[in-house]
Structure formats: structure tokens, C-alpha cells
C-alpha atoms as a PDB file:
ATOM      1  CA  MET A   1      78.631  81.892 109.503  1.00  0.00           C
ATOM      2  CA  SER A   2      80.484  80.030 112.264  1.00  0.00           C
ATOM      3  CA  PHE A   3      79.427  76.633 113.539  1.00  0.00           C
ATOM      4  CA  LEU A   4      78.785  78.178 116.978  1.00  0.00           C
ATOM      5  CA  ILE A   5      76.265  80.670 115.593  1.00  0.00           C
ATOM      6  CA  ILE A   6      74.575  77.984 113.487  1.00  0.00           C
ATOM      7  CA  GLY A   7      74.469  75.695 116.533  1.00  0.00           C
ATOM      8  CA  ILE A   8      72.767  78.360 118.668  1.00  0.00           C
ATOM      9  CA  GLY A   9      70.254  79.032 115.885  1.00  0.00           C
ATOM     10  CA  LEU A  10      69.482  75.332 115.490  1.00  0.00           C
ATOM     11  CA  LEU A  11      69.082  74.953 119.259  1.00  0.00           C
ATOM     12  CA  ALA A  12      66.556  77.798 119.245  1.00  0.00           C
ATOM     13  CA  GLN A  13      64.586  76.204 116.407  1.00  0.00           C
ATOM     14  CA  LEU A  14      64.710  72.840 118.197  1.00  0.00           C
ATOM     15  CA  PHE A  15      62.943  74.395 121.188  1.00  0.00           C
ATOM     16  CA  PHE A  16      60.448  76.209 118.954  1.00  0.00           C
ATOM     17  CA  SER A  17      59.701  73.015 117.027  1.00  0.00           C
ATOM     18  CA  ALA A  18      59.314  71.075 120.279  1.00  0.00           C
ATOM     19  CA  ARG A  19      56.780  73.591 121.609  1.00  0.00           C
ATOM     20  CA  ILE A  20      54.711  73.243 118.437  1.00  0.00           C
ATOM     21  CA  ILE A  21      54.773  69.439 118.519  1.00  0.00           C
ATOM     22  CA  VAL A  22      53.842  69.264 122.218  1.00  0.00           C
ATOM     23  CA  GLN A  23      51.088  71.892 121.948  1.00  0.00           C
ATOM     24  CA  TRP A  24      49.681  70.216 118.847  1.00  0.00           C
ATOM     25  CA  PHE A  25      49.731  66.757 120.494  1.00  0.00           C
ATOM     26  CA  VAL A  26      48.047  68.008 123.684  1.00  0.00           C
ATOM     27  CA  SER A  27      45.394  69.887 121.678  1.00  0.00           C
ATOM     28  CA  GLU A  28      44.631  66.837 119.532  1.00  0.00           C
ATOM     29  CA  LYS A  29      44.365  64.691 122.675  1.00  0.00           C
ATOM     30  CA  ASN A  30      41.999  67.130 124.398  1.00  0.00           C
ATOM     31  CA  LYS A  31      40.118  67.969 121.156  1.00  0.00           C
ATOM     32  CA  LYS A  32      40.504  71.673 121.887  1.00  0.00           C
ATOM     33  CA  VAL A  33      43.275  74.258 121.604  1.00  0.00           C
ATOM     34  CA  VAL A  34      45.375  74.035 124.771  1.00  0.00           C
ATOM     35  CA  SER A  35      47.937  76.469 126.180  1.00  0.00           C
ATOM     36  CA  ASN A  36      50.096  73.882 127.934  1.00  0.00           C
ATOM     37  CA  ASN A  37      53.027  74.473 130.290  1.00  0.00           C
ATOM     38  CA  LEU A  38      55.743  73.055 128.025  1.00  0.00           C
ATOM     39  CA  PHE A  39      54.690  75.394 125.209  1.00  0.00           C
ATOM     40  CA  TRP A  40      55.776  78.389 127.281  1.00  0.00           C
ATOM     41  CA  ILE A  41      58.841  76.732 128.813  1.00  0.00           C
ATOM     42  CA  PHE A  42      60.179  75.725 125.380  1.00  0.00           C
ATOM     43  CA  SER A  43      59.224  79.160 124.021  1.00  0.00           C
ATOM     44  CA  LEU A  44      61.338  80.911 126.647  1.00  0.00           C
ATOM     45  CA  CYS A  45      64.319  78.606 126.055  1.00  0.00           C
ATOM     46  CA  GLY A  46      64.082  79.023 122.280  1.00  0.00           C
ATOM     47  CA  SER A  47      63.693  82.784 122.498  1.00  0.00           C
ATOM     48  CA  MET A  48      66.735  83.082 124.748  1.00  0.00           C
ATOM     49  CA  ALA A  49      68.846  81.190 122.206  1.00  0.00           C
ATOM     50  CA  MET A  50      67.374  83.201 119.326  1.00  0.00           C
ATOM     51  CA  VAL A  51      68.182  86.558 120.949  1.00  0.00           C
ATOM     52  CA  ILE A  52      71.806  85.478 121.224  1.00  0.00           C
ATOM     53  CA  TYR A  53      71.724  84.216 117.616  1.00  0.00           C
ATOM     54  CA  GLY A  54      70.379  87.569 116.368  1.00  0.00           C
ATOM     55  CA  CYS A  55      72.996  89.525 118.313  1.00  0.00           C
ATOM     56  CA  LEU A  56      75.839  87.398 116.958  1.00  0.00           C
ATOM     57  CA  LYS A  57      74.485  87.806 113.404  1.00  0.00           C
ATOM     58  CA  ASN A  58      73.870  91.564 113.770  1.00  0.00           C
ATOM     59  CA  ASP A  59      70.334  91.007 112.437  1.00  0.00           C
ATOM     60  CA  PHE A  60      68.032  93.643 113.908  1.00  0.00           C
ATOM     61  CA  SER A  61      64.817  91.958 112.705  1.00  0.00           C
ATOM     62  CA  ILE A  62      65.591  88.809 114.710  1.00  0.00           C
ATOM     63  CA  ILE A  63      66.513  90.752 117.851  1.00  0.00           C
ATOM     64  CA  LEU A  64      63.390  92.919 117.579  1.00  0.00           C
ATOM     65  CA  GLY A  65      61.108  89.922 117.131  1.00  0.00           C
ATOM     66  CA  GLN A  66      62.471  87.904 120.039  1.00  0.00           C
ATOM     67  CA  PHE A  67      63.127  90.648 122.569  1.00  0.00           C
ATOM     68  CA  ILE A  68      59.450  91.515 123.043  1.00  0.00           C
ATOM     69  CA  ALA A  69      58.151  87.931 122.897  1.00  0.00           C
ATOM     70  CA  TYR A  70      60.696  86.778 125.482  1.00  0.00           C
ATOM     71  CA  TYR A  71      59.030  88.727 128.263  1.00  0.00           C
ATOM     72  CA  ILE A  72      55.540  87.719 127.156  1.00  0.00           C
ATOM     73  CA  TYR A  73      56.610  84.076 127.577  1.00  0.00           C
ATOM     74  CA  ILE A  74      57.628  84.889 131.142  1.00  0.00           C
ATOM     75  CA  GLY A  75      54.259  86.598 131.660  1.00  0.00           C
ATOM     76  CA  ASN A  76      52.409  83.474 130.537  1.00  0.00           C
ATOM     77  CA  LEU A  77      54.516  81.315 132.845  1.00  0.00           C
ATOM     78  CA  ARG A  78      53.480  83.663 135.650  1.00  0.00           C
ATOM     79  CA  LEU A  79      49.798  83.361 134.656  1.00  0.00           C
ATOM     80  CA  LYS A  80      50.105  79.589 134.768  1.00  0.00           C
ATOM     81  CA  GLY A  81      51.664  79.752 138.236  1.00  0.00           C
ATOM     82  CA  LEU A  82      55.000  78.287 137.134  1.00  0.00           C
ATOM     83  CA  TRP A  83      57.206  81.363 137.357  1.00  0.00           C
ATOM     84  CA  ASP A  84      56.983  81.697 141.154  1.00  0.00           C
ATOM     85  CA  ASN A  85      58.266  78.125 141.506  1.00  0.00           C
ATOM     86  CA  VAL A  86      61.535  79.048 139.790  1.00  0.00           C
ATOM     87  CA  ASN A  87      64.516  79.833 142.038  1.00  0.00           C
ATOM     88  CA  ILE A  88      64.624  83.609 142.602  1.00  0.00           C
ATOM     89  CA  PHE A  89      68.256  83.864 141.425  1.00  0.00           C
ATOM     90  CA  LEU A  90      67.397  81.992 138.229  1.00  0.00           C
ATOM     91  CA  ARG A  91      64.354  84.227 137.712  1.00  0.00           C
ATOM     92  CA  TYR A  92      66.469  87.384 137.803  1.00  0.00           C
ATOM     93  CA  LEU A  93      69.058  85.780 135.537  1.00  0.00           C
ATOM     94  CA  LEU A  94      66.414  84.814 132.966  1.00  0.00           C
ATOM     95  CA  ILE A  95      64.949  88.328 133.053  1.00  0.00           C
ATOM     96  CA  CYS A  96      68.374  89.884 132.457  1.00  0.00           C
ATOM     97  CA  ILE A  97      69.704  87.554 129.729  1.00  0.00           C
ATOM     98  CA  PRO A  98      68.325  89.417 126.656  1.00  0.00           C
ATOM     99  CA  VAL A  99      69.564  92.758 127.994  1.00  0.00           C
ATOM    100  CA  LEU A 100      72.948  91.308 128.967  1.00  0.00           C
ATOM    101  CA  ALA A 101      73.374  89.713 125.528  1.00  0.00           C
ATOM    102  CA  ILE A 102      72.852  93.064 123.805  1.00  0.00           C
ATOM    103  CA  LEU A 103      75.047  94.962 126.281  1.00  0.00           C
ATOM    104  CA  LEU A 104      77.884  92.466 125.837  1.00  0.00           C
ATOM    105  CA  ARG A 105      77.633  92.815 122.067  1.00  0.00           C
ATOM    106  CA  ILE A 106      77.706  96.601 122.310  1.00  0.00           C
ATOM    107  CA  ASN A 107      80.753  96.401 124.562  1.00  0.00           C
ATOM    108  CA  ASP A 108      82.537  94.215 122.017  1.00  0.00           C
ATOM    109  CA  SER A 109      81.728  96.522 119.142  1.00  0.00           C
ATOM    110  CA  PRO A 110      81.041 100.286 119.543  1.00  0.00           C
ATOM    111  CA  SER A 111      79.562 100.291 116.039  1.00  0.00           C
ATOM    112  CA  PHE A 112      76.931  97.638 116.950  1.00  0.00           C
ATOM    113  CA  PHE A 113      73.846  99.716 116.141  1.00  0.00           C
ATOM    114  CA  ASN A 114      75.439 101.154 113.027  1.00  0.00           C
ATOM    115  CA  ASN A 115      76.120  97.621 111.794  1.00  0.00           C
ATOM    116  CA  LEU A 116      72.563  96.572 112.526  1.00  0.00           C
ATOM    117  CA  PHE A 117      71.071  99.175 110.222  1.00  0.00           C
ATOM    118  CA  ASN A 118      73.905  99.210 107.684  1.00  0.00           C
ATOM    119  CA  ASN A 119      74.488  95.537 107.185  1.00  0.00           C
ATOM    120  CA  GLU A 120      76.119  95.027 103.776  1.00  0.00           C
ATOM    121  CA  ASP A 121      74.572  91.574 103.522  1.00  0.00           C
ATOM    122  CA  ILE A 122      71.015  92.829 104.170  1.00  0.00           C
ATOM    123  CA  PRO A 123      69.782  95.906 102.196  1.00  0.00           C
ATOM    124  CA  MET A 124      67.688  98.423 104.138  1.00  0.00           C
ATOM    125  CA  LEU A 125      64.421  97.674 102.281  1.00  0.00           C
ATOM    126  CA  LEU A 126      64.878  93.978 102.903  1.00  0.00           C
ATOM    127  CA  LEU A 127      65.668  94.664 106.555  1.00  0.00           C
ATOM    128  CA  ILE A 128      62.431  96.662 106.850  1.00  0.00           C
ATOM    129  CA  TYR A 129      60.519  93.797 105.221  1.00  0.00           C
ATOM    130  CA  GLY A 130      62.016  91.241 107.590  1.00  0.00           C
ATOM    131  CA  SER A 131      61.373  93.503 110.571  1.00  0.00           C
ATOM    132  CA  ALA A 132      57.734  93.879 109.489  1.00  0.00           C
ATOM    133  CA  GLY A 133      57.391  90.098 109.500  1.00  0.00           C
ATOM    134  CA  GLN A 134      58.923  89.885 112.958  1.00  0.00           C
ATOM    135  CA  ILE A 135      56.659  92.670 114.244  1.00  0.00           C
ATOM    136  CA  ILE A 136      53.556  90.891 112.933  1.00  0.00           C
ATOM    137  CA  PHE A 137      54.791  87.554 114.254  1.00  0.00           C
ATOM    138  CA  THR A 138      55.540  89.114 117.639  1.00  0.00           C
ATOM    139  CA  PHE A 139      52.181  90.903 117.705  1.00  0.00           C
ATOM    140  CA  ARG A 140      50.490  87.489 117.951  1.00  0.00           C
ATOM    141  CA  PHE A 141      51.937  87.167 121.435  1.00  0.00           C
ATOM    142  CA  VAL A 142      51.057  90.764 122.310  1.00  0.00           C
ATOM    143  CA  TYR A 143      47.474  89.988 121.277  1.00  0.00           C
ATOM    144  CA  GLN A 144      47.598  86.645 123.123  1.00  0.00           C
ATOM    145  CA  TRP A 145      48.904  88.357 126.253  1.00  0.00           C
ATOM    146  CA  ILE A 146      46.165  91.033 126.224  1.00  0.00           C
ATOM    147  CA  TYR A 147      43.517  88.365 125.615  1.00  0.00           C
ATOM    148  CA  SER A 148      44.900  86.129 128.364  1.00  0.00           C
ATOM    149  CA  LYS A 149      45.084  88.979 130.876  1.00  0.00           C
ATOM    150  CA  LYS A 150      41.438  89.739 130.134  1.00  0.00           C
ATOM    151  CA  GLU A 151      40.517  86.080 130.683  1.00  0.00           C
ATOM    152  CA  ASN A 152      42.904  85.848 133.664  1.00  0.00           C
ATOM    153  CA  GLU A 153      44.421  82.652 132.240  1.00  0.00           C
ATOM    154  CA  SER A 154      46.885  81.684 129.517  1.00  0.00           C
ATOM    155  CA  VAL A 155      44.858  81.161 126.321  1.00  0.00           C
ATOM    156  CA  LEU A 156      45.704  80.700 122.613  1.00  0.00           C
ATOM    157  CA  PRO A 157      42.711  82.296 120.783  1.00  0.00           C
ATOM    158  CA  PRO A 158      41.910  81.807 117.032  1.00  0.00           C
ATOM    159  CA  ALA A 159      43.323  85.216 116.036  1.00  0.00           C
ATOM    160  CA  PHE A 160      46.677  84.117 117.483  1.00  0.00           C
ATOM    161  CA  TRP A 161      46.937  81.410 114.810  1.00  0.00           C
ATOM    162  CA  TRP A 162      45.818  83.705 111.952  1.00  0.00           C
ATOM    163  CA  ILE A 163      48.459  86.291 112.901  1.00  0.00           C
ATOM    164  CA  SER A 164      50.994  83.448 113.187  1.00  0.00           C
ATOM    165  CA  LEU A 165      50.285  82.359 109.597  1.00  0.00           C
ATOM    166  CA  THR A 166      50.659  85.898 108.236  1.00  0.00           C
ATOM    167  CA  GLY A 167      53.904  86.682 110.055  1.00  0.00           C
ATOM    168  CA  SER A 168      55.348  83.267 109.299  1.00  0.00           C
ATOM    169  CA  MET A 169      54.839  83.650 105.546  1.00  0.00           C
ATOM    170  CA  ILE A 170      56.707  86.969 105.567  1.00  0.00           C
ATOM    171  CA  ILE A 171      59.566  85.605 107.676  1.00  0.00           C
ATOM    172  CA  VAL A 172      59.966  82.518 105.482  1.00  0.00           C
ATOM    173  CA  SER A 173      60.199  84.682 102.350  1.00  0.00           C
ATOM    174  CA  TYR A 174      62.641  87.018 104.137  1.00  0.00           C
ATOM    175  CA  GLY A 175      64.747  84.050 105.195  1.00  0.00           C
ATOM    176  CA  ALA A 176      64.801  82.810 101.596  1.00  0.00           C
ATOM    177  CA  MET A 177      65.919  86.213 100.287  1.00  0.00           C
ATOM    178  CA  VAL A 178      68.760  86.575 102.817  1.00  0.00           C
ATOM    179  CA  LYS A 179      69.579  82.851 102.504  1.00  0.00           C
ATOM    180  CA  ASP A 180      69.099  82.158 106.219  1.00  0.00           C
ATOM    181  CA  PRO A 181      68.269  78.426 106.663  1.00  0.00           C
ATOM    182  CA  ILE A 182      67.626  78.905 110.390  1.00  0.00           C
ATOM    183  CA  LEU A 183      64.686  81.239 109.788  1.00  0.00           C
ATOM    184  CA  ILE A 184      63.269  79.066 106.986  1.00  0.00           C
ATOM    185  CA  LEU A 185      63.574  75.867 109.013  1.00  0.00           C
ATOM    186  CA  GLY A 186      61.947  77.354 112.092  1.00  0.00           C
ATOM    187  CA  GLN A 187      58.989  78.945 110.340  1.00  0.00           C
ATOM    188  CA  SER A 188      58.176  76.327 107.735  1.00  0.00           C
ATOM    189  CA  PHE A 189      57.485  73.687 110.362  1.00  0.00           C
ATOM    190  CA  GLY A 190      54.829  75.813 112.083  1.00  0.00           C
ATOM    191  CA  PHE A 191      52.457  76.132 109.124  1.00  0.00           C
ATOM    192  CA  MET A 192      50.704  72.801 109.656  1.00  0.00           C
ATOM    193  CA  SER A 193      50.324  73.415 113.376  1.00  0.00           C
ATOM    194  CA  TYR A 194      48.794  76.874 112.885  1.00  0.00           C
ATOM    195  CA  ILE A 195      46.261  75.557 110.375  1.00  0.00           C
ATOM    196  CA  ARG A 196      45.463  72.479 112.467  1.00  0.00           C
ATOM    197  CA  ASN A 197      44.900  74.566 115.610  1.00  0.00           C
ATOM    198  CA  LEU A 198      42.449  76.737 113.676  1.00  0.00           C
ATOM    199  CA  MET A 199      40.613  73.598 112.574  1.00  0.00           C
ATOM    200  CA  ILE A 200      40.528  72.181 116.116  1.00  0.00           C
ATOM    201  CA  GLY A 201      39.338  75.514 117.502  1.00  0.00           C
ATOM    202  CA  ARG A 202      36.567  75.823 114.908  1.00  0.00           C
ATOM    203  CA  LYS A 203      35.407  72.244 115.466  1.00  0.00           C
ATOM    204  CA  ASN A 204      35.384  72.752 119.231  1.00  0.00           C
ATOM    205  CA  ALA A 205      33.381  75.982 118.874  1.00  0.00           C
ATOM    206  CA  LYS A 206      30.791  74.201 116.670  1.00  0.00           C
ATOM    207  CA  THR A 207      30.508  71.395 119.222  1.00  0.00           C
ATOM    208  CA  LYS A 208      29.896  73.880 122.042  1.00  0.00           C
ATOM    209  CA  SER A 209      27.303  75.818 120.030  1.00  0.00           C
ATOM    210  CA  SER A 210      25.376  72.633 119.252  1.00  0.00           C
ATOM    211  CA  LEU A 211      25.059  71.664 122.924  1.00  0.00           C
END
């Protein structure tokens, strides 16, 4: 794996780690689970880098997981009123980046999709397992988006953190089996945050019920 690909993967995980740290800090400070602005900004930046990383690695499970979440991050930025403040040219560019990354990769290699599903380094059963983890992990944001649309505000409900834990465990084990340090590094760090957010949310709910 080239240094460029590793660098892009590490940059993605840096953004993902930063979003966890900031969200965790803000939630601890407010003594309730908070969906803060930087969480979604860092999420979008990290996802953009991760889409490119997955395309360069020909790893379908990574592309699948990030492609859907990318646009949910944009949706949350819109709910928080931040998206409309972005320059219109930059908005269109951000919307197009995941599609452009895939199209460029296809243009470079006509056998792109064949390589995705017939990767000699990743057996089909293992690819399915990794994809399942990404689907579960991505579903947390699908659930979060549906919940937030219902509440008409960006919210991180308890089920979001439970789904995060489940998907993360699968992805970490997948990363270990395919010897991908980027996936392991990115997911392992989130465990404490997911558990702590569940604890903060439960404590906050008990406090409200006692009032």
C-alpha cells in the first residue's frame, strides 16, 4: 500500500477521531448528548477522504459504507443551518466529490467493478462480512437522519450509539482479518465514546424523569 493511500486513510481517521473527541467533550460539558456542529463538519471531511481511500484500495465495503453516510452528513449540516452558509460553488463541489472519485477510478480502470468483487486479497465471504459491518455502521446514520427529520433538528438518540457499537465491532474484526490498520485504528477509538454517550444519555433521562 502506497504512502499516499495510507496518508489519505490516516487523514480520514484523524477527522473521525476529532469528531468523537469534540462531541464527547461537548456532551460531558453539557451533561447531555449533544449533536454539535463540528461533529458533522469533521464527519463530512473524514468521509470524503475515506471514499477516496476506498476507491484507491478497491475495497467495496469501505466505499459502500461511506457513500451513503456522506450525504447524511450534508443533510445534518442543512438541518443545523450551516449548509446554506457554504459558498454555492463549494456546495456543488462537495456534493459531487464521491461520484467524481468513483467515475475517475472507473475511467482509469475498465475492470473497476470486477476488481471490487474479485479482489484476490479479500475473499468473497470476508468481503460480505465487511460489507455487513459497514451497512450496520452506516444504518446508524440512516436511523439518526430519520429520527432527526421527525424531530426537525439534528439529534443523536440512544439507538444511534447501540448500532455504532455493533457495527464497529464487526468492522474492527474485519480490519484485523484483512490486516487493514486504518480500519482498526478508526474504529477502536470510538468504543469508549459510544459507551460514554449511552451513559450520559441514560443519566440525563433519569434526571429528567425525576423532575
